[in-house]
Every structure is written in structure tokens, then in C-alpha cells.
Amino acid sequence: MANPQLLLHVLSTTIRSDMAVVVPLRPGRKHLLPDARWGRITVDDTHLNWSESDTVRLAVMRRLRELGFTETMLRDEVPAYAVLCQLAADRWR
């Protein structure tokens, strides 16, 4: 059983055609393995491609989280000013 750090390591690169990644959303989900597909991520009954652009977006999201933006804030259309104003203006991009 992998841990979140290993999953982050795997998702920090593209999923190769000889890899299959299975991510159960709840403990004890064992039915996912038969549905796994080479070169894709299986989450519940969904298969996801994972490309280099996805790894870039994941890195951006991690940086924003480290700067103090919450998951809810990342869904908003505009940055949360309360967090943004604490950063140096040259880091706003």
C-alpha cells in the first residue's frame, strides 16, 4: 500500500505506458485493481490520463498551498486577497 508521499512522487512525472496507478478514495476498496489500465490512473470507476502538463499544474497547486491558499481558495475565480497581500508583489504572478 502506497502512502501520499509516494503518490506525489509518482504524479510528479508523467505516467509511463508500463505503469498503472490505482488510487482508492476510501480504505478497503479492493475492486479497483481489475479495472487498472496501463499508462493511466484509476480512481473509483474512472480512468485518468496524466501528462506533463498535469505535473506542471500539480507543482503550481503545491506552491500555492505552501503560500497559504486553501483548496477552497484555489477554486475561486480570483486569488484571496488576504493571502495575496502577505506576499511580495513580485511573487503575485
Protein backbone atom coordinates (compact mmCIF):
# COMPACT_ATOMS: atom_id res chain seq x y z
CA MET A 1 0.00 0.00 0.00
CA ALA A 2 1.45 3.33 -1.05
CA ASN A 3 1.34 6.48 1.04
CA PRO A 4 0.57 10.08 -0.05
CA GLN A 5 4.28 10.88 -0.42
CA LEU A 6 4.76 8.02 -2.87
CA LEU A 7 1.68 9.06 -4.82
CA LEU A 8 3.05 12.62 -5.01
CA HIS A 9 6.35 11.22 -6.28
CA VAL A 10 4.55 9.19 -8.96
CA LEU A 11 2.35 12.12 -10.01
CA SER A 12 5.36 14.45 -10.21
CA THR A 13 6.13 12.88 -13.57
CA THR A 14 4.12 11.53 -16.49
CA ILE A 15 2.59 8.08 -16.15
CA ARG A 16 4.56 5.79 -18.43
CA SER A 17 2.85 3.25 -20.65
CA ASP A 18 4.22 0.43 -18.48
CA MET A 19 2.73 1.88 -15.26
CA ALA A 20 -0.74 1.62 -13.79
CA VAL A 21 -1.70 3.78 -10.82
CA VAL A 22 -4.69 2.83 -8.68
CA VAL A 23 -5.94 5.38 -6.14
CA PRO A 24 -8.74 4.13 -3.86
CA LEU A 25 -10.64 7.04 -2.37
CA ARG A 26 -11.78 5.02 0.63
CA PRO A 27 -9.87 2.42 2.64
CA GLY A 28 -10.68 -1.17 1.79
CA ARG A 29 -11.60 -0.58 -1.85
CA LYS A 30 -10.20 -3.71 -3.49
CA HIS A 31 -12.27 -3.88 -6.66
CA LEU A 32 -10.15 -1.23 -8.44
CA LEU A 33 -7.18 -3.41 -9.34
CA PRO A 34 -9.03 -5.43 -12.04
CA ASP A 35 -10.02 -2.09 -13.65
CA ALA A 36 -6.46 -0.71 -13.75
CA ARG A 37 -5.18 0.35 -17.17
CA TRP A 38 -1.55 0.67 -18.28
CA GLY A 39 -0.48 4.28 -18.63
CA ARG A 40 -3.46 5.65 -16.70
CA ILE A 41 -4.65 6.46 -13.19
CA THR A 42 -7.71 4.58 -11.91
CA VAL A 43 -9.81 6.38 -9.28
CA ASP A 44 -13.02 4.62 -8.31
CA ASP A 45 -14.59 3.72 -11.67
CA THR A 46 -12.78 6.45 -13.62
CA HIS A 47 -9.61 6.24 -15.69
CA LEU A 48 -7.50 9.38 -15.99
CA ASN A 49 -4.65 10.25 -18.30
CA TRP A 50 -1.73 12.03 -16.62
CA SER A 51 0.52 14.14 -18.83
CA GLU A 52 3.42 16.50 -18.37
CA SER A 53 1.04 19.47 -18.25
CA ASP A 54 -0.74 17.79 -15.33
CA THR A 55 2.55 17.51 -13.46
CA VAL A 56 3.15 21.24 -14.01
CA ARG A 57 -0.34 22.08 -12.68
CA LEU A 58 0.27 19.86 -9.64
CA ALA A 59 3.54 21.69 -8.91
CA VAL A 60 1.77 25.07 -9.19
CA MET A 61 -1.01 23.89 -6.87
CA ARG A 62 1.53 22.66 -4.30
CA ARG A 63 3.37 26.02 -4.40
CA LEU A 64 0.10 27.90 -3.90
CA ARG A 65 -0.86 25.65 -0.98
CA GLU A 66 2.56 26.26 0.60
CA LEU A 67 1.96 30.02 0.25
CA GLY A 68 -1.23 29.69 2.29
CA PHE A 69 -4.00 29.29 -0.29
CA THR A 70 -6.58 26.69 0.77
CA GLU A 71 -8.31 24.18 -1.52
CA THR A 72 -11.44 26.33 -1.42
CA MET A 73 -9.48 29.44 -2.37
CA LEU A 74 -7.93 27.63 -5.33
CA ARG A 75 -11.43 27.00 -6.71
CA ASP A 76 -12.32 30.71 -6.59
CA GLU A 77 -12.13 32.83 -9.74
CA VAL A 78 -9.82 35.40 -8.16
CA PRO A 79 -6.99 35.00 -5.62
CA ALA A 80 -7.82 35.52 -1.96
CA TYR A 81 -6.53 39.00 -1.19
CA ALA A 82 -5.95 38.16 2.49
CA VAL A 83 -3.26 35.67 1.44
CA LEU A 84 -2.07 37.56 -1.62
CA CYS A 85 -1.35 40.81 0.26
CA GLN A 86 1.04 38.93 2.57
CA LEU A 87 3.26 38.03 -0.40
CA ALA A 88 5.80 40.31 -2.02
CA ALA A 89 4.28 41.93 -5.12
CA ASP A 90 6.88 40.28 -7.38
CA ARG A 91 5.51 36.87 -6.31
CA TRP A 92 1.89 37.66 -7.23
CA ARG A 93 2.22 36.12 -10.72
